[in-house]
Amino acid sequence: MSLINSNYQWFALYTKSRFEKKVHASLQSKGIESYLPIRTEKRRWSDRIKTIEEPLLKGYIFVKVSNKEYFNVLNTTGAVAYVSFGGKAAPIPEKQLDDLKIFLQGYNQEIDVTYDNLEEGLKVIVVAGPMKGVVGEVVEFRGKSRIALRFKNLGYCILTDIATKDVEAYKPHLISSHKRLVNSLLSA
């Protein structure tokens, strides 16, 4: 008898083509936490311009599950499989999804999505503006320096323009030591 792991983790889920919104709604009705990144776009027809909402990453949604809900997700109409490596679903760090949500809030219409194999860039943290706190990379894309969120497990990069004055080199060891210092001062 195996114990059910009650630790919740985020995973990427493949869906059938154009089923992202249906799968997302179905999972939420089952009480399963899911996230579907949506991009707002303006489309022009011959007689009008219309604002539409499209999934940012076509064919994917994100689900937060424990072992208890793991297989229930796959029984959802339109769900195909978890993104996996070596036969095991690959977890997505929650910080990365939080950063993606901030990207979409601040720069929804100015985002590019690519699955080109971009060369690794300088790790940076955004220190000002609507994306403050986001950790990404500065990469060259279409002749511009842009900030990128890299989803290695999916093969995607999400990019947007950002002013160089709004970013600093990312040094996680300095950030964690700064947090410890602040916490020690607060508890004194």
N, C-alpha and C. Protein backbone atom coordinates (compact mmCIF):
# COMPACT_ATOMS: atom_id res chain seq x y z
N MET A 1 0.85 -1.18 0.00
CA MET A 1 0.00 0.00 0.00
C MET A 1 0.89 1.24 0.00
N SER A 2 0.63 2.15 -0.93
CA SER A 2 1.44 3.37 -0.97
C SER A 2 0.64 4.54 -0.41
N LEU A 3 1.35 5.43 0.25
CA LEU A 3 0.71 6.61 0.81
C LEU A 3 0.50 7.64 -0.29
N ILE A 4 -0.59 8.37 -0.20
CA ILE A 4 -0.87 9.42 -1.18
C ILE A 4 -0.04 10.64 -0.81
N ASN A 5 0.69 11.13 -1.79
CA ASN A 5 1.50 12.33 -1.60
C ASN A 5 0.58 13.54 -1.67
N SER A 6 0.51 14.30 -0.60
CA SER A 6 -0.39 15.45 -0.60
C SER A 6 0.35 16.76 -0.93
N ASN A 7 1.59 16.66 -1.40
CA ASN A 7 2.33 17.84 -1.82
C ASN A 7 1.85 18.28 -3.20
N TYR A 8 1.42 19.52 -3.29
CA TYR A 8 0.92 20.04 -4.55
C TYR A 8 2.06 20.66 -5.34
N GLN A 9 2.08 20.36 -6.64
CA GLN A 9 3.07 20.92 -7.55
C GLN A 9 2.38 21.33 -8.84
N TRP A 10 2.98 22.28 -9.53
CA TRP A 10 2.48 22.69 -10.84
C TRP A 10 3.10 21.81 -11.92
N PHE A 11 2.26 21.44 -12.89
CA PHE A 11 2.71 20.67 -14.05
C PHE A 11 2.10 21.29 -15.31
N ALA A 12 2.78 21.11 -16.42
CA ALA A 12 2.23 21.52 -17.71
C ALA A 12 1.47 20.33 -18.29
N LEU A 13 0.31 20.62 -18.86
CA LEU A 13 -0.56 19.60 -19.41
C LEU A 13 -0.80 19.88 -20.88
N TYR A 14 -0.53 18.87 -21.75
CA TYR A 14 -0.88 18.99 -23.16
C TYR A 14 -2.38 18.87 -23.29
N THR A 15 -2.97 19.65 -24.20
CA THR A 15 -4.39 19.52 -24.50
C THR A 15 -4.55 19.27 -26.00
N LYS A 16 -5.74 18.81 -26.36
CA LYS A 16 -6.06 18.73 -27.78
C LYS A 16 -6.05 20.15 -28.34
N SER A 17 -5.88 20.24 -29.65
CA SER A 17 -5.85 21.54 -30.29
C SER A 17 -7.16 22.30 -30.05
N ARG A 18 -7.03 23.54 -29.61
CA ARG A 18 -8.15 24.45 -29.34
C ARG A 18 -9.06 23.99 -28.19
N PHE A 19 -8.54 23.14 -27.30
CA PHE A 19 -9.31 22.68 -26.14
C PHE A 19 -8.84 23.32 -24.84
N GLU A 20 -7.89 24.26 -24.90
CA GLU A 20 -7.30 24.82 -23.69
C GLU A 20 -8.37 25.41 -22.76
N LYS A 21 -9.25 26.24 -23.28
CA LYS A 21 -10.27 26.90 -22.45
C LYS A 21 -11.26 25.89 -21.89
N LYS A 22 -11.63 24.89 -22.67
CA LYS A 22 -12.59 23.87 -22.22
C LYS A 22 -11.98 23.03 -21.09
N VAL A 23 -10.72 22.63 -21.26
CA VAL A 23 -10.05 21.83 -20.22
C VAL A 23 -9.91 22.65 -18.95
N HIS A 24 -9.52 23.91 -19.08
CA HIS A 24 -9.36 24.80 -17.93
C HIS A 24 -10.69 24.92 -17.16
N ALA A 25 -11.78 25.18 -17.86
CA ALA A 25 -13.09 25.31 -17.22
C ALA A 25 -13.52 23.99 -16.57
N SER A 26 -13.28 22.89 -17.24
CA SER A 26 -13.67 21.58 -16.70
C SER A 26 -12.89 21.25 -15.42
N LEU A 27 -11.59 21.54 -15.42
CA LEU A 27 -10.77 21.28 -14.23
C LEU A 27 -11.22 22.15 -13.06
N GLN A 28 -11.52 23.41 -13.34
CA GLN A 28 -11.97 24.29 -12.26
C GLN A 28 -13.31 23.82 -11.70
N SER A 29 -14.18 23.29 -12.56
CA SER A 29 -15.46 22.78 -12.05
C SER A 29 -15.26 21.54 -11.19
N LYS A 30 -14.16 20.82 -11.40
CA LYS A 30 -13.82 19.66 -10.56
C LYS A 30 -13.09 20.07 -9.28
N GLY A 31 -12.80 21.37 -9.12
CA GLY A 31 -12.09 21.85 -7.94
C GLY A 31 -10.58 21.71 -8.04
N ILE A 32 -10.07 21.52 -9.25
CA ILE A 32 -8.63 21.38 -9.47
C ILE A 32 -8.08 22.72 -9.93
N GLU A 33 -7.04 23.19 -9.24
CA GLU A 33 -6.45 24.49 -9.57
C GLU A 33 -5.72 24.39 -10.91
N SER A 34 -6.05 25.30 -11.80
CA SER A 34 -5.39 25.33 -13.10
C SER A 34 -5.16 26.78 -13.50
N TYR A 35 -4.22 26.96 -14.41
CA TYR A 35 -3.90 28.30 -14.89
C TYR A 35 -3.74 28.24 -16.40
N LEU A 36 -4.50 29.08 -17.08
CA LEU A 36 -4.42 29.21 -18.53
C LEU A 36 -3.97 30.62 -18.86
N PRO A 37 -2.71 30.81 -19.24
CA PRO A 37 -2.26 32.15 -19.60
C PRO A 37 -2.96 32.62 -20.88
N ILE A 38 -3.59 33.77 -20.78
CA ILE A 38 -4.37 34.32 -21.90
C ILE A 38 -3.72 35.60 -22.40
N ARG A 39 -3.68 35.75 -23.70
CA ARG A 39 -3.16 36.95 -24.35
C ARG A 39 -4.33 37.64 -25.05
N THR A 40 -4.42 38.94 -24.84
CA THR A 40 -5.43 39.74 -25.51
C THR A 40 -4.84 40.32 -26.78
N GLU A 41 -5.52 40.09 -27.90
CA GLU A 41 -5.02 40.58 -29.18
C GLU A 41 -6.12 41.32 -29.92
N LYS A 42 -5.72 42.29 -30.73
CA LYS A 42 -6.67 42.98 -31.61
C LYS A 42 -6.54 42.37 -32.99
N ARG A 43 -7.67 41.90 -33.52
CA ARG A 43 -7.68 41.32 -34.86
C ARG A 43 -8.52 42.20 -35.78
N ARG A 44 -8.04 42.34 -36.97
CA ARG A 44 -8.74 43.20 -37.94
C ARG A 44 -9.44 42.33 -38.99
N TRP A 45 -10.72 42.55 -39.13
CA TRP A 45 -11.49 41.97 -40.21
C TRP A 45 -11.77 43.09 -41.20
N SER A 46 -12.35 42.78 -42.33
CA SER A 46 -12.59 43.81 -43.34
C SER A 46 -13.54 44.90 -42.85
N ASP A 47 -14.46 44.57 -41.96
CA ASP A 47 -15.44 45.55 -41.50
C ASP A 47 -15.27 46.03 -40.06
N ARG A 48 -14.35 45.44 -39.31
CA ARG A 48 -14.22 45.83 -37.90
C ARG A 48 -12.90 45.35 -37.31
N ILE A 49 -12.59 45.91 -36.15
CA ILE A 49 -11.46 45.45 -35.34
C ILE A 49 -12.05 44.88 -34.06
N LYS A 50 -11.63 43.68 -33.71
CA LYS A 50 -12.19 43.01 -32.55
C LYS A 50 -11.07 42.59 -31.61
N THR A 51 -11.31 42.73 -30.31
CA THR A 51 -10.36 42.25 -29.31
C THR A 51 -10.74 40.83 -28.93
N ILE A 52 -9.77 39.93 -29.04
CA ILE A 52 -10.04 38.53 -28.72
C ILE A 52 -9.04 38.05 -27.66
N GLU A 53 -9.40 36.98 -26.98
CA GLU A 53 -8.51 36.35 -26.00
C GLU A 53 -8.08 35.00 -26.54
N GLU A 54 -6.77 34.82 -26.61
CA GLU A 54 -6.18 33.58 -27.12
C GLU A 54 -5.25 32.99 -26.06
N PRO A 55 -5.16 31.66 -25.97
CA PRO A 55 -4.16 31.07 -25.08
C PRO A 55 -2.76 31.50 -25.51
N LEU A 56 -1.94 31.88 -24.55
CA LEU A 56 -0.57 32.33 -24.83
C LEU A 56 0.27 31.17 -25.37
N LEU A 57 0.16 30.01 -24.74
CA LEU A 57 0.91 28.82 -25.14
C LEU A 57 -0.08 27.81 -25.71
N LYS A 58 -0.21 27.79 -26.99
CA LYS A 58 -1.21 26.93 -27.63
C LYS A 58 -0.93 25.45 -27.31
N GLY A 59 -1.98 24.76 -26.86
CA GLY A 59 -1.86 23.34 -26.56
C GLY A 59 -1.43 23.02 -25.15
N TYR A 60 -1.29 24.04 -24.28
CA TYR A 60 -0.85 23.80 -22.91
C TYR A 60 -1.72 24.57 -21.91
N ILE A 61 -1.91 23.96 -20.75
CA ILE A 61 -2.38 24.67 -19.57
C ILE A 61 -1.53 24.17 -18.40
N PHE A 62 -1.63 24.84 -17.27
CA PHE A 62 -0.88 24.44 -16.09
C PHE A 62 -1.86 23.99 -15.02
N VAL A 63 -1.52 22.90 -14.31
CA VAL A 63 -2.37 22.39 -13.25
C VAL A 63 -1.54 22.20 -11.98
N LYS A 64 -2.18 22.46 -10.84
CA LYS A 64 -1.51 22.26 -9.55
C LYS A 64 -2.21 21.10 -8.87
N VAL A 65 -1.49 19.98 -8.78
CA VAL A 65 -2.09 18.75 -8.26
C VAL A 65 -1.14 18.01 -7.33
N SER A 66 -1.72 17.15 -6.53
CA SER A 66 -0.96 16.17 -5.75
C SER A 66 -1.19 14.83 -6.44
N ASN A 67 -0.62 13.77 -5.89
CA ASN A 67 -0.84 12.44 -6.48
C ASN A 67 -2.32 12.08 -6.50
N LYS A 68 -3.07 12.61 -5.55
CA LYS A 68 -4.51 12.30 -5.43
C LYS A 68 -5.29 12.72 -6.69
N GLU A 69 -4.98 13.90 -7.23
CA GLU A 69 -5.71 14.41 -8.40
C GLU A 69 -5.01 14.12 -9.73
N TYR A 70 -3.81 13.62 -9.65
CA TYR A 70 -2.95 13.47 -10.83
C TYR A 70 -3.66 12.79 -12.00
N PHE A 71 -4.26 11.63 -11.77
CA PHE A 71 -4.90 10.88 -12.85
C PHE A 71 -6.28 11.41 -13.19
N ASN A 72 -6.94 12.04 -12.22
CA ASN A 72 -8.25 12.65 -12.47
C ASN A 72 -8.14 13.72 -13.56
N VAL A 73 -7.04 14.44 -13.57
CA VAL A 73 -6.80 15.47 -14.59
C VAL A 73 -6.79 14.84 -15.97
N LEU A 74 -6.15 13.70 -16.11
CA LEU A 74 -6.04 13.04 -17.41
C LEU A 74 -7.38 12.49 -17.90
N ASN A 75 -8.35 12.33 -17.00
CA ASN A 75 -9.68 11.87 -17.38
C ASN A 75 -10.58 13.01 -17.82
N THR A 76 -10.03 14.20 -17.97
CA THR A 76 -10.79 15.36 -18.41
C THR A 76 -10.82 15.38 -19.93
N THR A 77 -11.99 15.60 -20.50
CA THR A 77 -12.13 15.67 -21.96
C THR A 77 -11.23 16.77 -22.52
N GLY A 78 -10.39 16.39 -23.46
CA GLY A 78 -9.47 17.34 -24.09
C GLY A 78 -8.06 17.29 -23.52
N ALA A 79 -7.88 16.71 -22.33
CA ALA A 79 -6.54 16.57 -21.75
C ALA A 79 -5.84 15.40 -22.43
N VAL A 80 -4.58 15.59 -22.80
CA VAL A 80 -3.86 14.54 -23.51
C VAL A 80 -2.84 13.86 -22.60
N ALA A 81 -1.89 14.63 -22.06
CA ALA A 81 -0.83 14.05 -21.23
C ALA A 81 -0.09 15.17 -20.52
N TYR A 82 0.62 14.79 -19.46
CA TYR A 82 1.51 15.74 -18.80
C TYR A 82 2.79 15.87 -19.62
N VAL A 83 3.41 17.03 -19.58
CA VAL A 83 4.72 17.20 -20.19
C VAL A 83 5.68 16.43 -19.29
N SER A 84 6.38 15.47 -19.85
CA SER A 84 7.22 14.61 -19.02
C SER A 84 8.56 14.33 -19.67
N PHE A 85 9.49 13.95 -18.83
CA PHE A 85 10.82 13.55 -19.26
C PHE A 85 11.16 12.26 -18.54
N GLY A 86 11.61 11.28 -19.30
CA GLY A 86 11.94 9.99 -18.72
C GLY A 86 10.72 9.31 -18.11
N GLY A 87 9.55 9.55 -18.65
CA GLY A 87 8.33 8.92 -18.16
C GLY A 87 7.75 9.55 -16.91
N LYS A 88 8.33 10.64 -16.46
CA LYS A 88 7.85 11.29 -15.23
C LYS A 88 7.48 12.73 -15.53
N ALA A 89 6.30 13.15 -15.06
CA ALA A 89 5.85 14.52 -15.29
C ALA A 89 6.86 15.50 -14.70
N ALA A 90 7.18 16.54 -15.48
CA ALA A 90 8.18 17.52 -15.06
C ALA A 90 7.49 18.68 -14.34
N PRO A 91 7.81 18.89 -13.05
CA PRO A 91 7.17 20.00 -12.32
C PRO A 91 7.67 21.36 -12.82
N ILE A 92 6.79 22.35 -12.73
CA ILE A 92 7.10 23.73 -13.11
C ILE A 92 7.21 24.53 -11.81
N PRO A 93 8.30 25.27 -11.60
CA PRO A 93 8.42 26.07 -10.37
C PRO A 93 7.31 27.12 -10.27
N GLU A 94 6.72 27.23 -9.09
CA GLU A 94 5.63 28.18 -8.88
C GLU A 94 6.09 29.62 -9.16
N LYS A 95 7.33 29.95 -8.82
CA LYS A 95 7.88 31.29 -9.08
C LYS A 95 7.81 31.62 -10.56
N GLN A 96 8.08 30.64 -11.41
CA GLN A 96 8.06 30.87 -12.84
C GLN A 96 6.64 31.21 -13.32
N LEU A 97 5.63 30.55 -12.78
CA LEU A 97 4.25 30.87 -13.14
C LEU A 97 3.83 32.22 -12.58
N ASP A 98 4.29 32.54 -11.37
CA ASP A 98 4.00 33.87 -10.81
C ASP A 98 4.60 34.96 -11.69
N ASP A 99 5.83 34.73 -12.18
CA ASP A 99 6.48 35.70 -13.07
C ASP A 99 5.71 35.82 -14.39
N LEU A 100 5.21 34.70 -14.90
CA LEU A 100 4.43 34.73 -16.13
C LEU A 100 3.15 35.56 -15.96
N LYS A 101 2.50 35.41 -14.81
CA LYS A 101 1.29 36.20 -14.53
C LYS A 101 1.62 37.70 -14.52
N ILE A 102 2.75 38.06 -13.93
CA ILE A 102 3.17 39.46 -13.90
C ILE A 102 3.47 39.96 -15.32
N PHE A 103 4.14 39.14 -16.11
CA PHE A 103 4.40 39.48 -17.52
C PHE A 103 3.10 39.82 -18.22
N LEU A 104 2.11 38.96 -18.06
CA LEU A 104 0.84 39.15 -18.76
C LEU A 104 0.08 40.38 -18.26
N GLN A 105 0.16 40.65 -16.96
CA GLN A 105 -0.52 41.83 -16.43
C GLN A 105 0.10 43.11 -16.97
N GLY A 106 1.41 43.18 -16.99
CA GLY A 106 2.08 44.42 -17.36
C GLY A 106 2.26 44.63 -18.85
N TYR A 107 2.40 43.56 -19.60
CA TYR A 107 2.79 43.70 -21.01
C TYR A 107 2.00 42.78 -21.92
N ASN A 108 0.74 42.57 -21.66
CA ASN A 108 -0.05 41.56 -22.37
C ASN A 108 0.08 41.63 -23.89
N GLN A 109 -0.04 42.81 -24.47
CA GLN A 109 -0.04 42.89 -25.93
C GLN A 109 1.37 43.04 -26.51
N GLU A 110 2.37 43.28 -25.67
CA GLU A 110 3.74 43.45 -26.17
C GLU A 110 4.60 42.22 -25.94
N ILE A 111 3.97 41.06 -25.84
CA ILE A 111 4.71 39.82 -25.56
C ILE A 111 4.89 39.03 -26.85
N ASP A 112 6.09 38.47 -27.01
CA ASP A 112 6.36 37.53 -28.09
C ASP A 112 6.58 36.17 -27.46
N VAL A 113 6.12 35.14 -28.15
CA VAL A 113 6.34 33.77 -27.72
C VAL A 113 7.13 33.08 -28.82
N THR A 114 8.21 32.43 -28.45
CA THR A 114 9.01 31.73 -29.45
C THR A 114 9.47 30.39 -28.89
N TYR A 115 9.63 29.45 -29.78
CA TYR A 115 10.26 28.20 -29.37
C TYR A 115 11.61 28.05 -30.08
N ASP A 116 12.11 29.19 -30.62
CA ASP A 116 13.47 29.20 -31.16
C ASP A 116 14.44 28.89 -30.02
N ASN A 117 15.53 28.25 -30.36
CA ASN A 117 16.54 27.93 -29.35
C ASN A 117 17.41 29.16 -29.13
N LEU A 118 16.98 30.04 -28.24
CA LEU A 118 17.71 31.28 -27.97
C LEU A 118 18.91 30.99 -27.08
N GLU A 119 20.01 31.67 -27.38
CA GLU A 119 21.21 31.53 -26.57
C GLU A 119 20.94 32.05 -25.16
N GLU A 120 21.47 31.34 -24.15
CA GLU A 120 21.27 31.75 -22.76
C GLU A 120 21.77 33.18 -22.58
N GLY A 121 21.02 33.96 -21.81
CA GLY A 121 21.39 35.34 -21.58
C GLY A 121 21.78 35.58 -20.13
N LEU A 122 22.10 36.83 -19.83
CA LEU A 122 22.45 37.24 -18.48
C LEU A 122 21.21 37.17 -17.60
N LYS A 123 21.31 36.46 -16.46
CA LYS A 123 20.19 36.39 -15.51
C LYS A 123 20.03 37.75 -14.85
N VAL A 124 18.79 38.26 -14.86
CA VAL A 124 18.49 39.56 -14.26
C VAL A 124 17.24 39.47 -13.41
N ILE A 125 17.10 40.46 -12.53
CA ILE A 125 15.88 40.64 -11.76
C ILE A 125 15.38 42.05 -12.05
N VAL A 126 14.07 42.16 -12.26
CA VAL A 126 13.47 43.46 -12.53
C VAL A 126 13.32 44.18 -11.20
N VAL A 127 13.83 45.41 -11.12
CA VAL A 127 13.84 46.17 -9.86
C VAL A 127 12.88 47.35 -9.86
N ALA A 128 12.25 47.63 -11.01
CA ALA A 128 11.30 48.76 -11.07
C ALA A 128 10.25 48.47 -12.13
N GLY A 129 9.12 49.13 -12.01
CA GLY A 129 8.06 49.00 -12.99
C GLY A 129 7.08 47.90 -12.66
N PRO A 130 6.16 47.62 -13.58
CA PRO A 130 5.10 46.65 -13.30
C PRO A 130 5.60 45.21 -13.16
N MET A 131 6.81 44.92 -13.62
CA MET A 131 7.33 43.55 -13.52
C MET A 131 8.34 43.40 -12.38
N LYS A 132 8.34 44.31 -11.43
CA LYS A 132 9.29 44.27 -10.32
C LYS A 132 9.26 42.90 -9.64
N GLY A 133 10.44 42.32 -9.45
CA GLY A 133 10.57 41.02 -8.80
C GLY A 133 10.69 39.85 -9.76
N VAL A 134 10.40 40.06 -11.04
CA VAL A 134 10.49 38.99 -12.03
C VAL A 134 11.96 38.67 -12.30
N VAL A 135 12.29 37.38 -12.32
CA VAL A 135 13.63 36.93 -12.66
C VAL A 135 13.59 36.36 -14.07
N GLY A 136 14.47 36.84 -14.93
CA GLY A 136 14.51 36.37 -16.31
C GLY A 136 15.91 36.48 -16.87
N GLU A 137 16.00 36.49 -18.18
CA GLU A 137 17.28 36.60 -18.87
C GLU A 137 17.18 37.73 -19.88
N VAL A 138 18.28 38.43 -20.10
CA VAL A 138 18.34 39.40 -21.19
C VAL A 138 18.91 38.65 -22.38
N VAL A 139 18.14 38.59 -23.47
CA VAL A 139 18.54 37.87 -24.67
C VAL A 139 18.37 38.76 -25.89
N GLU A 140 19.05 38.41 -26.98
CA GLU A 140 18.89 39.10 -28.26
C GLU A 140 17.80 38.36 -29.03
N PHE A 141 16.77 39.11 -29.46
CA PHE A 141 15.69 38.52 -30.25
C PHE A 141 15.23 39.55 -31.27
N ARG A 142 15.32 39.19 -32.54
CA ARG A 142 14.95 40.08 -33.64
C ARG A 142 15.67 41.42 -33.55
N GLY A 143 16.95 41.37 -33.23
CA GLY A 143 17.78 42.56 -33.21
C GLY A 143 17.63 43.46 -31.99
N LYS A 144 16.88 43.02 -30.98
CA LYS A 144 16.67 43.83 -29.78
C LYS A 144 17.07 43.03 -28.55
N SER A 145 17.52 43.75 -27.52
CA SER A 145 17.72 43.11 -26.22
C SER A 145 16.37 43.08 -25.52
N ARG A 146 15.97 41.91 -25.11
CA ARG A 146 14.66 41.74 -24.49
C ARG A 146 14.81 40.89 -23.24
N ILE A 147 13.81 40.97 -22.34
CA ILE A 147 13.82 40.10 -21.17
C ILE A 147 12.98 38.87 -21.51
N ALA A 148 13.47 37.72 -21.11
CA ALA A 148 12.81 36.46 -21.46
C ALA A 148 12.56 35.62 -20.22
N LEU A 149 11.39 34.98 -20.20
CA LEU A 149 11.11 33.91 -19.25
C LEU A 149 11.28 32.63 -20.06
N ARG A 150 12.14 31.74 -19.61
CA ARG A 150 12.42 30.51 -20.35
C ARG A 150 11.73 29.33 -19.67
N PHE A 151 10.86 28.67 -20.41
CA PHE A 151 10.22 27.45 -19.93
C PHE A 151 10.91 26.28 -20.62
N LYS A 152 12.00 25.81 -20.01
CA LYS A 152 12.83 24.78 -20.64
C LYS A 152 12.04 23.51 -20.91
N ASN A 153 11.17 23.12 -19.97
CA ASN A 153 10.41 21.88 -20.13
C ASN A 153 9.45 21.94 -21.32
N LEU A 154 9.01 23.13 -21.68
CA LEU A 154 8.08 23.28 -22.79
C LEU A 154 8.78 23.69 -24.08
N GLY A 155 10.02 24.17 -23.97
CA GLY A 155 10.74 24.62 -25.14
C GLY A 155 10.35 26.02 -25.59
N TYR A 156 9.66 26.77 -24.74
CA TYR A 156 9.20 28.11 -25.08
C TYR A 156 9.99 29.18 -24.33
N CYS A 157 10.06 30.35 -24.95
CA CYS A 157 10.52 31.56 -24.28
C CYS A 157 9.43 32.61 -24.48
N ILE A 158 9.11 33.34 -23.42
CA ILE A 158 8.17 34.44 -23.48
C ILE A 158 9.01 35.69 -23.31
N LEU A 159 8.88 36.63 -24.26
CA LEU A 159 9.76 37.80 -24.30
C LEU A 159 8.97 39.10 -24.31
N THR A 160 9.57 40.15 -23.76
CA THR A 160 9.03 41.50 -23.87
C THR A 160 10.17 42.49 -23.74
N ASP A 161 9.91 43.72 -24.18
CA ASP A 161 10.90 44.78 -24.05
C ASP A 161 10.86 45.33 -22.63
N ILE A 162 12.03 45.73 -22.14
CA ILE A 162 12.11 46.36 -20.83
C ILE A 162 13.33 47.28 -20.84
N ALA A 163 13.22 48.39 -20.13
CA ALA A 163 14.33 49.35 -20.07
C ALA A 163 15.47 48.76 -19.24
N THR A 164 16.70 48.96 -19.68
CA THR A 164 17.85 48.42 -18.96
C THR A 164 17.99 49.03 -17.57
N LYS A 165 17.47 50.24 -17.37
CA LYS A 165 17.54 50.86 -16.05
C LYS A 165 16.64 50.15 -15.03
N ASP A 166 15.71 49.32 -15.52
CA ASP A 166 14.77 48.62 -14.64
C ASP A 166 15.24 47.24 -14.22
N VAL A 167 16.44 46.81 -14.64
CA VAL A 167 16.94 45.48 -14.28
C VAL A 167 18.32 45.56 -13.66
N GLU A 168 18.62 44.54 -12.85
CA GLU A 168 19.95 44.36 -12.25
C GLU A 168 20.35 42.92 -12.44
N ALA A 169 21.64 42.66 -12.39
CA ALA A 169 22.12 41.28 -12.45
C ALA A 169 21.53 40.50 -11.29
N TYR A 170 21.09 39.29 -11.56
CA TYR A 170 20.45 38.44 -10.55
C TYR A 170 21.53 37.67 -9.79
N LYS A 171 21.55 37.90 -8.48
CA LYS A 171 22.51 37.22 -7.61
C LYS A 171 21.73 36.61 -6.45
N PRO A 172 21.24 35.37 -6.61
CA PRO A 172 20.37 34.78 -5.58
C PRO A 172 21.04 34.66 -4.21
N HIS A 173 22.35 34.44 -4.16
CA HIS A 173 23.01 34.32 -2.86
C HIS A 173 22.96 35.65 -2.11
N LEU A 174 23.05 36.78 -2.84
CA LEU A 174 22.96 38.08 -2.18
C LEU A 174 21.54 38.37 -1.71
N ILE A 175 20.57 37.95 -2.50
CA ILE A 175 19.16 38.17 -2.14
C ILE A 175 18.82 37.38 -0.89
N SER A 176 19.24 36.11 -0.81
CA SER A 176 18.91 35.30 0.37
C SER A 176 19.63 35.83 1.60
N SER A 177 20.89 36.30 1.45
CA SER A 177 21.60 36.84 2.62
C SER A 177 20.97 38.17 3.04
N HIS A 178 20.48 38.97 2.08
CA HIS A 178 19.80 40.22 2.40
C HIS A 178 18.50 39.93 3.16
N LYS A 179 17.76 38.90 2.74
CA LYS A 179 16.52 38.54 3.43
C LYS A 179 16.82 38.09 4.86
N ARG A 180 17.90 37.31 5.04
CA ARG A 180 18.27 36.86 6.38
C ARG A 180 18.61 38.06 7.26
N LEU A 181 19.34 39.04 6.71
CA LEU A 181 19.71 40.22 7.46
C LEU A 181 18.48 41.02 7.87
N VAL A 182 17.55 41.22 6.92
CA VAL A 182 16.32 41.95 7.22
C VAL A 182 15.52 41.20 8.29
N ASN A 183 15.38 39.89 8.16
CA ASN A 183 14.63 39.09 9.15
C ASN A 183 15.27 39.16 10.53
N SER A 184 16.61 39.14 10.58
CA SER A 184 17.28 39.21 11.89
C SER A 184 17.08 40.59 12.52
N LEU A 185 17.09 41.63 11.70
CA LEU A 185 16.85 42.99 12.24
C LEU A 185 15.41 43.14 12.74
N LEU A 186 14.46 42.53 12.02
CA LEU A 186 13.06 42.61 12.43
C LEU A 186 12.77 41.84 13.72
N SER A 187 13.48 40.71 13.88
CA SER A 187 13.21 39.89 15.07
C SER A 187 13.96 40.39 16.30
N ALA A 188 14.92 41.32 16.13
CA ALA A 188 15.70 41.85 17.27
C ALA A 188 14.90 42.82 18.09
